[in-house]
Amino acid sequence: MAEDGVVTLYNNTAITDTKKNPVSIKVGLAQMLRGGAILEVSNTNQAKIAEEAGACCLAITEPNRHGISRMPDPALIKQIKRAVSIPIMSRSRVGHFVEAQILERVGVDYIDENEVLAIADEDNFINKHNFRCPFVCGCRNLGEALRRVREGAAMIRTQGDLSGTGNIVETVKNVRSVMGEIRILNNMDEDEVFAFSKKIAAPYDLQIHKHLAAMAEDGVVTLYNNTAITDTKKNPVSIKVGLAQMLRGGAILEVSNTNQAKIAEEAGACCLAITEPNRHGISRMPDPALIKQIKRAVSIPIMSRSRVGHFVEAQILERVGVDYIDENEVLAIADEDNFINKHNFRCPFVCGCRNLGEALRRVREGAAMIRTQGDLSGTGNIVETVKNVRSVMGEIRILNNMDEDEVFAFSKKIAAPYDLVAQTKQMGRLPVVHFAAGGIVTPADAALMMQLGCDGVFVGSEVFDNCSDPYKLVHGIVEAVRHYNDPHVLVENSCGLEGEMAGLNFTEERMEQFGE
């Protein structure tokens, strides 16, 4: 049977000889896709749209198949190949070398041994050296990547969320893991490289080590591409802090269309924070077209949100021309472990906090304004905001009564930079402008935040959605911020707003906590 080729792992009559398939050729074919976008498509119409839009390659997937996921129907692959002129990629199950043989025979340009599909062999990947076609393989760390390269992968796909929800956080985490390990590797000597290869269970190969170092020199593994972001020296923090100071004593209104923006401007808002109107699922930065539209409609400063850690969204917002960028935890988080390095941007950044340690860490990263965040659900419940503002202000009061030795210990306790803690003690307040956000829907709420020591407030877009006269309510909040210590002004601007206070609803659980 062995002589007949029945029990050999790969039948040499079906797959070409390894010597005829040098890795360098397949790596070169994969390099042709560098700098492009590969689009998943499941029919010819999607394929044509992707080709016209400039995709460098099409990854063919099976349309909405229930149960076990396998390679796409070869008839579908042939149909799409005839419809377009760009390269075609198709998936095979992990370890299923017969599916790979079929795909190669059909004529795909690349094969993706993909863990999104059902796994055919839990212990063995396909020996990709036995195929003419370049292979793409997934990884979550550097060890996995190099093991797939040793098996013959010509392209590595760092894989994140497999469920198709649009959540990028796992992808960012895994990409940072791979790039971080490469940066560590590049600083090792030969002996350390050998030990490191054992640690990550990857083959020790000096050629790979040198290749990664060469990639680093090309800027492939740098955290930020210097052509995309301006020089830090041209963006001194003092200028950005000064720009944020211009908003002190004002109300920042969240708006989602030009009509709301005009009402907020007329009512006296100092700045507009643009949010995406009622988007379901993963929340991301607003549409740049909406930002441009609102910028043309008003003359006051514009702020827009980016996801935490998503520095490319921040680059886009800066390019669009917003005046402030809010790295906002209300949106989906792009990077769980790293915030944006705000020193690399011209635009002032706003960041959220719940305590003094968080606030000063964000300032160290380059934040020009701190937003103490309360309720994130938009219910109008102010209790979390009050709790967090009191926490920040209480810690500052404690700090003010400390001597130098205690300040050093306190900075370690709250995990904040010592110099900023010392500066906070000297100033008796945060080193940057301090606003409050979450649940602020009435003039009384706004005045409460100001009397607690904030420099201004964020007001959510719910004041437009749940109010018959949004101008009156917004104007009342603006006046309350300006005259927060004047009871007569507060009374005047709170009259007739009982309908706007209906959003404060305690759950039974919260009432029990309150009763305790």
Protein backbone atom coordinates (compact mmCIF):
# COMPACT_ATOMS: atom_id res chain seq x y z
CA MET A 1 0.00 0.00 0.00
CA ALA A 2 2.86 2.32 0.81
CA GLU A 3 4.41 1.67 -2.59
CA ASP A 4 1.06 2.49 -4.24
CA GLY A 5 0.98 5.81 -2.43
CA VAL A 6 -2.16 4.95 -0.47
CA VAL A 7 -0.84 5.63 3.02
CA THR A 8 1.54 8.46 2.22
CA LEU A 9 0.55 11.74 3.87
CA TYR A 10 0.55 13.54 0.51
CA ASN A 11 0.04 11.77 -2.80
CA ASN A 12 2.86 12.92 -5.12
CA THR A 13 0.68 12.45 -8.19
CA ALA A 14 -1.75 15.07 -6.86
CA ILE A 15 0.74 17.55 -5.43
CA THR A 16 3.99 18.71 -7.00
CA ASP A 17 7.46 17.98 -5.71
CA THR A 18 8.75 20.21 -2.88
CA LYS A 19 11.90 21.04 -4.88
CA LYS A 20 9.78 22.65 -7.58
CA ASN A 21 8.08 24.96 -5.06
CA PRO A 22 10.79 27.09 -3.40
CA VAL A 23 9.47 29.17 -0.53
CA SER A 24 11.04 32.34 -1.95
CA ILE A 25 8.76 32.28 -4.99
CA LYS A 26 5.63 31.89 -2.89
CA VAL A 27 6.74 34.58 -0.44
CA GLY A 28 7.31 36.85 -3.45
CA LEU A 29 3.78 36.17 -4.69
CA ALA A 30 2.45 37.06 -1.25
CA GLN A 31 4.53 40.25 -1.21
CA MET A 32 2.54 41.42 -4.24
CA LEU A 33 -0.44 41.94 -1.90
CA ARG A 34 1.52 44.13 0.53
CA GLY A 35 -0.11 47.48 1.15
CA GLY A 36 -3.51 46.28 -0.06
CA ALA A 37 -6.89 45.21 1.30
CA ILE A 38 -8.21 41.66 0.87
CA LEU A 39 -11.99 41.57 0.72
CA GLU A 40 -14.14 38.58 1.69
CA VAL A 41 -16.87 37.98 -0.90
CA SER A 42 -19.51 35.31 -1.30
CA ASN A 43 -20.91 36.03 -4.79
CA THR A 44 -19.96 37.61 -8.11
CA ASN A 45 -21.78 40.87 -7.40
CA GLN A 46 -19.72 41.45 -4.22
CA ALA A 47 -16.58 40.42 -6.12
CA LYS A 48 -17.15 43.00 -8.85
CA ILE A 49 -17.84 45.75 -6.31
CA ALA A 50 -14.65 44.87 -4.38
CA GLU A 51 -12.56 44.85 -7.58
CA GLU A 52 -13.93 48.23 -8.69
CA ALA A 53 -13.27 49.64 -5.21
CA GLY A 54 -9.57 48.71 -5.47
CA ALA A 55 -9.24 45.48 -3.47
CA CYS A 56 -5.91 43.75 -4.09
CA CYS A 57 -7.36 40.25 -3.68
CA LEU A 58 -10.68 38.48 -3.06
CA ALA A 59 -11.14 35.90 -0.29
CA ILE A 60 -14.06 33.70 -1.30
CA THR A 61 -16.29 32.49 1.53
CA GLU A 62 -19.35 30.26 1.55
CA PRO A 63 -22.56 32.33 1.76
CA ASN A 64 -24.38 31.76 5.10
CA ARG A 65 -23.76 28.06 5.46
CA HIS A 66 -25.18 26.58 8.69
CA GLY A 67 -23.44 23.86 10.68
CA ILE A 68 -19.88 22.77 9.86
CA SER A 69 -18.01 25.34 7.77
CA ARG A 70 -15.89 23.94 4.96
CA MET A 71 -14.14 25.22 1.85
CA PRO A 72 -16.37 27.14 -0.61
CA ASP A 73 -18.06 25.32 -3.47
CA PRO A 74 -15.50 24.99 -6.34
CA ALA A 75 -18.26 26.03 -8.76
CA LEU A 76 -18.59 29.35 -6.88
CA ILE A 77 -14.82 29.87 -7.03
CA LYS A 78 -14.77 29.27 -10.81
CA GLN A 79 -17.71 31.61 -11.28
CA ILE A 80 -16.00 34.45 -9.39
CA LYS A 81 -12.66 33.82 -11.15
CA ARG A 82 -14.38 34.36 -14.50
CA ALA A 83 -16.02 37.56 -13.27
CA VAL A 84 -12.90 39.40 -12.03
CA SER A 85 -9.25 39.87 -12.97
CA ILE A 86 -7.62 40.29 -9.53
CA PRO A 87 -6.12 37.40 -7.51
CA ILE A 88 -8.41 34.92 -5.75
CA MET A 89 -7.95 33.41 -2.31
CA SER A 90 -10.04 30.66 -0.76
CA ARG A 91 -10.21 28.97 2.63
CA SER A 92 -9.50 25.39 3.59
CA ARG A 93 -9.99 23.79 6.97
CA VAL A 94 -6.95 23.52 9.24
CA GLY A 95 -5.13 20.26 8.47
CA HIS A 96 -7.42 19.31 5.55
CA PHE A 97 -4.81 18.89 2.81
CA VAL A 98 -7.33 17.35 0.39
CA GLU A 99 -9.39 20.55 0.43
CA ALA A 100 -6.15 22.41 -0.31
CA GLN A 101 -5.44 20.03 -3.22
CA ILE A 102 -8.91 20.75 -4.62
CA LEU A 103 -8.49 24.51 -4.26
CA GLU A 104 -5.09 24.41 -5.97
CA ARG A 105 -6.56 22.34 -8.78
CA VAL A 106 -9.46 24.80 -9.20
CA GLY A 107 -6.85 27.51 -9.75
CA VAL A 108 -6.98 29.84 -6.75
CA ASP A 109 -3.98 32.15 -6.37
CA TYR A 110 -3.72 31.78 -2.57
CA ILE A 111 -5.03 29.25 -0.04
CA ASP A 112 -6.02 30.38 3.46
CA GLU A 113 -5.71 27.55 6.01
CA ASN A 114 -8.29 29.16 8.20
CA GLU A 115 -9.27 28.47 11.80
CA VAL A 116 -12.60 30.27 11.27
CA LEU A 117 -13.77 27.13 9.47
CA ALA A 118 -14.26 23.84 11.28
CA ILE A 119 -10.90 22.20 12.11
CA ALA A 120 -10.23 18.93 10.28
CA ASP A 121 -7.04 17.94 12.15
CA GLU A 122 -6.48 19.21 15.68
CA ASP A 123 -2.84 18.11 15.85
CA ASN A 124 -1.39 18.79 12.40
CA PHE A 125 -1.39 21.70 9.98
CA ILE A 126 -1.04 21.19 6.25
CA ASN A 127 2.54 20.75 5.01
CA LYS A 128 2.48 23.78 2.77
CA HIS A 129 5.87 23.03 1.21
CA ASN A 130 4.14 20.38 -0.92
CA PHE A 131 1.98 22.90 -2.79
CA ARG A 132 2.68 25.34 -5.62
CA CYS A 133 0.11 27.78 -4.23
CA PRO A 134 1.14 30.29 -1.52
CA PHE A 135 -0.58 29.69 1.83
CA VAL A 136 -1.97 32.16 4.34
CA CYS A 137 -2.12 31.10 8.01
CA GLY A 138 -3.45 32.72 11.17
CA CYS A 139 -1.65 33.45 14.42
CA ARG A 140 -2.18 35.15 17.76
CA ASN A 141 1.46 35.52 18.80
CA LEU A 142 4.97 35.39 17.35
CA GLY A 143 5.52 31.73 18.21
CA GLU A 144 2.45 30.65 16.25
CA ALA A 145 3.46 32.88 13.33
CA LEU A 146 6.97 31.39 13.04
CA ARG A 147 5.69 27.83 13.36
CA ARG A 148 3.33 28.47 10.44
CA VAL A 149 6.23 30.00 8.47
CA ARG A 150 8.31 26.89 9.14
CA GLU A 151 5.42 24.79 7.74
CA GLY A 152 5.58 26.87 4.55
CA ALA A 153 3.18 29.78 5.06
CA ALA A 154 3.95 32.66 2.70
CA MET A 155 1.69 35.13 4.50
CA ILE A 156 0.67 35.49 8.15
CA ARG A 157 -2.75 36.75 9.18
CA THR A 158 -2.91 37.94 12.79
CA GLN A 159 -6.41 36.90 13.76
CA GLY A 160 -8.74 38.67 16.16
CA ASP A 161 -12.46 38.21 16.73
CA LEU A 162 -13.77 35.15 14.86
CA SER A 163 -17.48 35.80 15.35
CA GLY A 164 -17.86 38.58 12.78
CA THR A 165 -19.25 41.09 15.31
CA GLY A 166 -16.97 43.91 14.12
CA ASN A 167 -15.14 44.13 17.47
CA ILE A 168 -11.50 45.00 16.76
CA VAL A 169 -10.17 44.69 20.32
CA GLU A 170 -8.86 41.10 19.97
CA THR A 171 -7.17 41.94 16.68
CA VAL A 172 -5.37 44.93 18.20
CA LYS A 173 -4.34 42.85 21.22
CA ASN A 174 -2.87 40.08 19.07
CA VAL A 175 -1.14 42.43 16.60
CA ARG A 176 0.47 44.30 19.49
CA SER A 177 1.54 40.95 20.96
CA VAL A 178 3.31 39.93 17.74
CA MET A 179 4.91 43.34 17.16
CA GLY A 180 5.95 43.65 20.80
CA GLU A 181 7.72 40.28 20.72
CA ILE A 182 9.49 41.29 17.48
CA ARG A 183 10.75 44.50 19.09
CA ILE A 184 12.04 42.48 22.05
CA LEU A 185 13.69 40.02 19.66
CA ASN A 186 15.44 42.76 17.73
CA ASN A 187 17.33 43.84 20.87
CA MET A 188 18.64 40.34 21.68
CA ASP A 189 22.07 38.90 21.06
CA GLU A 190 22.54 35.47 19.48
CA ASP A 191 22.46 33.54 22.77
CA GLU A 192 19.27 35.27 23.86
CA VAL A 193 17.68 34.53 20.47
CA PHE A 194 18.28 30.83 20.99
CA ALA A 195 16.63 30.89 24.44
CA PHE A 196 13.79 33.05 23.14
CA SER A 197 13.07 30.59 20.34
CA LYS A 198 12.66 27.82 22.93
CA LYS A 199 10.43 30.02 25.08
CA ILE A 200 7.98 30.77 22.25
CA ALA A 201 8.27 27.21 20.83
CA ALA A 202 9.41 28.51 17.45
CA PRO A 203 12.21 27.17 15.23
CA TYR A 204 15.59 28.80 15.84
CA ASP A 205 16.53 30.31 12.50
CA LEU A 206 18.94 33.22 12.17
CA GLN A 207 17.61 34.04 8.72
CA ILE A 208 14.18 34.70 10.20
CA HIS A 209 15.77 36.81 12.93
CA LYS A 210 17.64 38.92 10.37
CA HIS A 211 14.56 39.15 8.18
CA LEU A 212 12.51 40.53 11.07
CA ALA A 213 15.24 43.03 11.86
CA ALA A 214 15.21 44.16 8.22
CA MET A 215 11.44 44.58 8.41
CA ALA A 216 11.89 46.72 11.53
CA GLU A 217 14.30 48.97 9.64
CA ASP A 218 11.66 49.42 6.94
CA GLY A 219 9.24 50.74 9.55
CA VAL A 220 6.98 47.71 9.46
CA VAL A 221 6.96 47.14 13.20
CA THR A 222 7.11 50.73 14.42
CA LEU A 223 4.21 51.66 16.69
CA TYR A 224 3.34 54.77 14.69
CA ASN A 225 4.20 55.49 11.07
CA ASN A 226 6.10 58.78 11.04
CA THR A 227 4.59 59.77 7.71
CA ALA A 228 1.10 59.61 9.21
CA ILE A 229 1.62 61.57 12.42
CA THR A 230 3.44 64.84 12.97
CA ASP A 231 6.62 65.28 15.00
CA THR A 232 6.17 65.47 18.78
CA LYS A 233 8.43 68.53 19.01
CA LYS A 234 5.97 70.50 16.91
CA ASN A 235 3.12 69.72 19.34
CA PRO A 236 4.09 71.12 22.77
CA VAL A 237 1.63 70.16 25.48
CA SER A 238 1.33 73.76 26.72
CA ILE A 239 -0.30 74.89 23.45
CA LYS A 240 -2.85 72.09 23.55
CA VAL A 241 -3.60 72.67 27.23
CA GLY A 242 -4.14 76.35 26.38
CA LEU A 243 -6.60 75.43 23.63
CA ALA A 244 -8.52 73.27 26.10
CA GLN A 245 -8.54 76.15 28.62
CA MET A 246 -10.64 78.13 26.14
CA LEU A 247 -13.58 75.82 26.95
CA ARG A 248 -13.37 76.41 30.70
CA GLY A 249 -16.65 77.56 32.23
CA GLY A 250 -18.73 76.23 29.34
CA ALA A 251 -21.04 73.37 28.37
CA ILE A 252 -20.09 70.90 25.63
CA LEU A 253 -23.16 69.52 23.87
CA GLU A 254 -23.33 66.13 22.15
CA VAL A 255 -25.04 66.46 18.75
CA SER A 256 -25.72 64.03 15.93
CA ASN A 257 -27.02 66.29 13.13
CA THR A 258 -26.84 69.90 11.90
CA ASN A 259 -30.23 70.84 13.39
CA GLN A 260 -29.09 69.88 16.90
CA ALA A 261 -25.76 71.64 16.28
CA LYS A 262 -27.47 74.92 15.36
CA ILE A 263 -29.75 74.74 18.42
CA ALA A 264 -26.76 74.10 20.70
CA GLU A 265 -24.79 76.98 19.19
CA GLU A 266 -27.72 79.38 19.55
CA ALA A 267 -28.24 78.25 23.14
CA GLY A 268 -24.64 79.17 24.03
CA ALA A 269 -22.72 75.89 23.97
CA CYS A 270 -18.94 76.42 24.00
CA CYS A 271 -18.22 73.34 21.86
CA LEU A 272 -20.03 70.54 20.01
CA ALA A 273 -19.18 66.87 20.52
CA ILE A 274 -20.31 65.03 17.39
CA THR A 275 -21.71 61.53 17.91
CA GLU A 276 -23.00 58.93 15.49
CA PRO A 277 -26.84 58.95 15.35
CA ASN A 278 -28.34 55.74 16.83
CA ARG A 279 -25.81 53.26 15.48
CA HIS A 280 -26.46 49.67 16.61
CA GLY A 281 -23.68 47.20 17.40
CA ILE A 282 -20.04 48.31 17.57
CA SER A 283 -19.72 52.09 18.11
CA ARG A 284 -16.95 53.82 16.19
CA MET A 285 -15.94 57.36 15.30
CA PRO A 286 -18.62 59.46 13.54
CA ASP A 287 -18.77 59.57 9.76
CA PRO A 288 -16.23 62.21 8.54
CA ALA A 289 -18.90 63.47 6.12
CA LEU A 290 -21.17 64.25 9.11
CA ILE A 291 -18.31 66.08 10.83
CA LYS A 292 -17.65 68.22 7.75
CA GLN A 293 -21.36 68.94 7.38
CA ILE A 294 -21.67 70.18 10.98
CA LYS A 295 -18.41 72.17 10.73
CA ARG A 296 -19.86 74.10 7.80
CA ALA A 297 -23.12 74.76 9.70
CA VAL A 298 -21.66 76.28 12.90
CA SER A 299 -18.82 78.55 13.98
CA ILE A 300 -17.98 77.16 17.43
CA PRO A 301 -15.29 74.49 18.05
CA ILE A 302 -15.95 70.88 17.09
CA MET A 303 -15.00 67.77 19.07
CA SER A 304 -15.32 64.18 17.89
CA ARG A 305 -14.83 60.77 19.49
CA SER A 306 -12.36 58.04 18.67
CA ARG A 307 -12.18 54.58 20.19
CA VAL A 308 -9.71 54.02 23.02
CA GLY A 309 -6.34 53.04 21.53
CA HIS A 310 -7.44 53.53 17.91
CA PHE A 311 -4.78 56.02 16.79
CA VAL A 312 -5.78 55.74 13.10
CA GLU A 313 -9.29 57.02 13.89
CA ALA A 314 -7.57 59.91 15.67
CA GLN A 315 -5.40 60.55 12.58
CA ILE A 316 -8.54 60.68 10.43
CA LEU A 317 -10.30 63.06 12.83
CA GLU A 318 -7.27 65.37 12.95
CA ARG A 319 -7.12 65.37 9.16
CA VAL A 320 -10.85 66.16 8.90
CA GLY A 321 -10.16 69.26 10.99
CA VAL A 322 -11.83 68.73 14.36
CA ASP A 323 -10.68 71.08 17.10
CA TYR A 324 -10.59 68.42 19.84
CA ILE A 325 -10.47 64.61 19.88
CA ASP A 326 -12.24 62.68 22.64
CA GLU A 327 -10.64 59.25 23.22
CA ASN A 328 -13.87 57.92 24.56
CA GLU A 329 -14.63 54.74 26.47
CA VAL A 330 -18.34 55.03 25.57
CA LEU A 331 -17.40 53.72 22.12
CA ALA A 332 -16.18 50.19 21.57
CA ILE A 333 -12.58 49.81 22.80
CA ALA A 334 -10.01 49.12 20.09
CA ASP A 335 -7.04 48.39 22.37
CA GLU A 336 -7.59 47.11 25.91
CA ASP A 337 -4.00 47.64 27.03
CA ASN A 338 -2.83 50.85 25.35
CA PHE A 339 -4.22 54.35 25.02
CA ILE A 340 -3.30 56.62 22.10
CA ASN A 341 0.03 58.42 22.45
CA LYS A 342 -1.47 61.88 22.33
CA HIS A 343 1.90 63.64 22.20
CA ASN A 344 2.10 62.64 18.54
CA PHE A 345 -0.90 64.79 17.53
CA ARG A 346 -1.40 68.51 16.99
CA CYS A 347 -5.01 68.27 18.17
CA PRO A 348 -5.82 68.50 21.92
CA PHE A 349 -7.21 65.28 23.39
CA VAL A 350 -9.95 64.72 25.95
CA CYS A 351 -9.81 61.55 28.07
CA GLY A 352 -12.09 60.03 30.67
CA CYS A 353 -11.32 59.04 34.26
CA ARG A 354 -13.02 57.72 37.38
CA ASN A 355 -10.30 58.59 39.91
CA LEU A 356 -7.20 60.74 40.30
CA GLY A 357 -4.77 58.00 39.26
CA GLU A 358 -6.53 57.48 35.92
CA ALA A 359 -6.70 61.23 35.35
CA LEU A 360 -2.96 61.78 35.84
CA ARG A 361 -2.02 58.75 33.72
CA ARG A 362 -4.06 60.20 30.85
CA VAL A 363 -2.36 63.58 31.36
CA ARG A 364 1.04 61.86 31.17
CA GLU A 365 -0.05 60.35 27.82
CA GLY A 366 -0.81 63.87 26.54
CA ALA A 367 -4.45 64.57 27.43
CA ALA A 368 -5.21 68.31 27.48
CA MET A 369 -8.60 67.87 29.18
CA ILE A 370 -9.94 65.34 31.65
CA ARG A 371 -13.55 64.21 31.60
CA THR A 372 -14.70 62.54 34.82
CA GLN A 373 -17.14 59.99 33.47
CA GLY A 374 -20.27 58.74 35.17
CA ASP A 375 -23.22 56.86 33.70
CA LEU A 376 -22.45 55.63 30.15
CA SER A 377 -25.95 54.44 29.22
CA GLY A 378 -27.57 57.83 28.65
CA THR A 379 -30.35 57.28 31.22
CA GLY A 380 -29.94 60.65 32.92
CA ASN A 381 -28.74 59.05 36.18
CA ILE A 382 -26.16 61.38 37.71
CA VAL A 383 -25.22 59.29 40.75
CA GLU A 384 -22.11 57.68 39.16
CA THR A 385 -20.88 61.06 37.93
CA VAL A 386 -21.19 62.59 41.39
CA LYS A 387 -19.45 59.59 42.94
CA ASN A 388 -16.48 59.79 40.55
CA VAL A 389 -16.14 63.60 40.73
CA ARG A 390 -16.15 63.43 44.53
CA SER A 391 -13.53 60.67 44.34
CA VAL A 392 -11.18 62.82 42.24
CA MET A 393 -11.74 65.97 44.30
CA GLY A 394 -11.44 64.05 47.57
CA GLU A 395 -8.09 62.56 46.58
CA ILE A 396 -6.82 66.03 45.61
CA ARG A 397 -7.84 67.39 49.03
CA ILE A 398 -6.03 64.50 50.74
CA LEU A 399 -2.98 65.17 48.54
CA ASN A 400 -2.93 68.85 49.52
CA ASN A 401 -2.35 67.92 53.20
CA MET A 402 0.59 65.59 52.50
CA ASP A 403 4.30 66.28 52.96
CA GLU A 404 6.90 65.40 50.29
CA ASP A 405 7.53 61.85 51.51
CA GLU A 406 3.81 61.11 51.62
CA VAL A 407 3.35 62.49 48.10
CA PHE A 408 5.93 60.03 46.76
CA ALA A 409 4.18 57.10 48.46
CA PHE A 410 0.77 58.37 47.33
CA SER A 411 1.91 58.54 43.68
CA LYS A 412 2.94 54.88 43.88
CA LYS A 413 -0.37 53.94 45.52
CA ILE A 414 -2.49 55.49 42.74
CA ALA A 415 -0.02 54.41 39.99
CA ALA A 416 0.46 57.97 38.74
CA PRO A 417 3.65 59.86 37.70
CA TYR A 418 5.27 61.55 40.70
CA ASP A 419 5.90 64.87 38.92
CA LEU A 420 2.22 65.22 37.99
CA VAL A 421 1.10 64.26 41.49
CA ALA A 422 3.44 66.93 42.91
CA GLN A 423 2.14 69.48 40.41
CA THR A 424 -1.46 68.64 41.36
CA LYS A 425 -0.61 69.19 45.03
CA GLN A 426 1.03 72.53 44.24
CA MET A 427 -1.91 73.73 42.11
CA GLY A 428 -4.61 72.29 44.36
CA ARG A 429 -6.38 70.93 41.27
CA LEU A 430 -5.78 68.83 38.17
CA PRO A 431 -3.03 70.25 35.91
CA VAL A 432 -5.49 70.40 32.99
CA VAL A 433 -9.11 71.43 32.44
CA HIS A 434 -11.54 69.14 34.25
CA PHE A 435 -15.07 68.50 32.95
CA ALA A 436 -17.80 66.11 34.13
CA ALA A 437 -19.93 63.87 31.91
CA GLY A 438 -22.78 61.42 32.32
CA GLY A 439 -26.37 61.96 33.44
CA ILE A 440 -26.23 65.78 33.30
CA VAL A 441 -29.64 66.72 31.86
CA THR A 442 -30.87 69.68 33.96
CA PRO A 443 -29.50 73.09 35.00
CA ALA A 444 -29.34 71.82 38.59
CA ASP A 445 -27.19 68.87 37.52
CA ALA A 446 -24.78 71.18 35.72
CA ALA A 447 -24.55 73.58 38.69
CA LEU A 448 -23.91 70.64 41.02
CA MET A 449 -20.89 69.57 38.96
CA MET A 450 -19.54 73.11 38.92
CA GLN A 451 -19.95 73.53 42.68
CA LEU A 452 -18.14 70.24 43.21
CA GLY A 453 -15.13 71.79 41.49
CA CYS A 454 -15.42 70.96 37.76
CA ASP A 455 -14.51 73.48 35.05
CA GLY A 456 -17.44 72.60 32.79
CA VAL A 457 -19.81 69.83 31.76
CA PHE A 458 -20.62 67.51 28.88
CA VAL A 459 -24.32 67.24 28.09
CA GLY A 460 -25.58 64.15 26.29
CA SER A 461 -27.69 64.14 23.13
CA GLU A 462 -30.65 62.82 25.16
CA VAL A 463 -31.56 66.46 25.86
CA PHE A 464 -32.54 66.69 22.19
CA ASP A 465 -34.22 63.30 21.94
CA ASN A 466 -36.43 63.50 25.05
CA CYS A 467 -37.35 67.16 25.17
CA SER A 468 -40.14 69.19 23.60
CA ASP A 469 -38.12 72.43 23.78
CA PRO A 470 -34.41 71.53 23.58
CA TYR A 471 -33.31 75.15 23.14
CA LYS A 472 -34.82 76.15 26.50
CA LEU A 473 -33.23 73.20 28.28
CA VAL A 474 -29.80 73.64 26.70
CA HIS A 475 -29.82 77.38 27.32
CA GLY A 476 -30.79 76.73 30.95
CA ILE A 477 -27.86 74.35 31.38
CA VAL A 478 -25.44 76.82 29.77
CA GLU A 479 -26.63 79.60 32.09
CA ALA A 480 -26.37 77.29 35.11
CA VAL A 481 -22.72 76.55 34.24
CA ARG A 482 -21.93 80.27 33.95
CA HIS A 483 -23.80 81.27 37.12
CA TYR A 484 -23.61 78.10 39.19
CA ASN A 485 -23.35 80.01 42.49
CA ASP A 486 -26.33 82.30 41.82
CA PRO A 487 -29.57 80.72 43.17
CA HIS A 488 -31.75 83.26 41.37
CA VAL A 489 -30.36 82.28 37.95
CA LEU A 490 -30.69 78.59 38.82
CA VAL A 491 -34.31 79.00 39.85
CA GLU A 492 -35.14 80.96 36.72
CA ASN A 493 -33.58 78.36 34.40
CA SER A 494 -35.08 75.36 36.21
CA CYS A 495 -38.70 76.51 35.94
CA GLY A 496 -40.91 74.49 33.58
CA LEU A 497 -38.40 71.66 33.13
CA GLU A 498 -40.11 68.97 35.21
CA GLY A 499 -40.65 66.85 32.08
CA GLU A 500 -36.91 66.82 31.39
CA MET A 501 -36.09 65.31 34.81
CA ALA A 502 -37.96 62.07 34.14
CA GLY A 503 -34.81 60.31 32.95
CA LEU A 504 -33.47 59.72 36.47
CA ASN A 505 -34.67 56.20 37.23
CA PHE A 506 -33.25 54.03 39.97
CA THR A 507 -33.36 50.28 39.53
CA GLU A 508 -34.48 48.16 42.48
CA GLU A 509 -30.89 46.98 42.93
CA ARG A 510 -29.64 50.56 43.06
CA MET A 511 -32.36 51.53 45.54
CA GLU A 512 -31.23 48.70 47.82
CA GLN A 513 -27.62 49.93 47.61
CA PHE A 514 -28.79 53.48 48.32
CA GLY A 515 -30.79 52.29 51.33
CA GLU A 516 -27.70 50.65 52.79
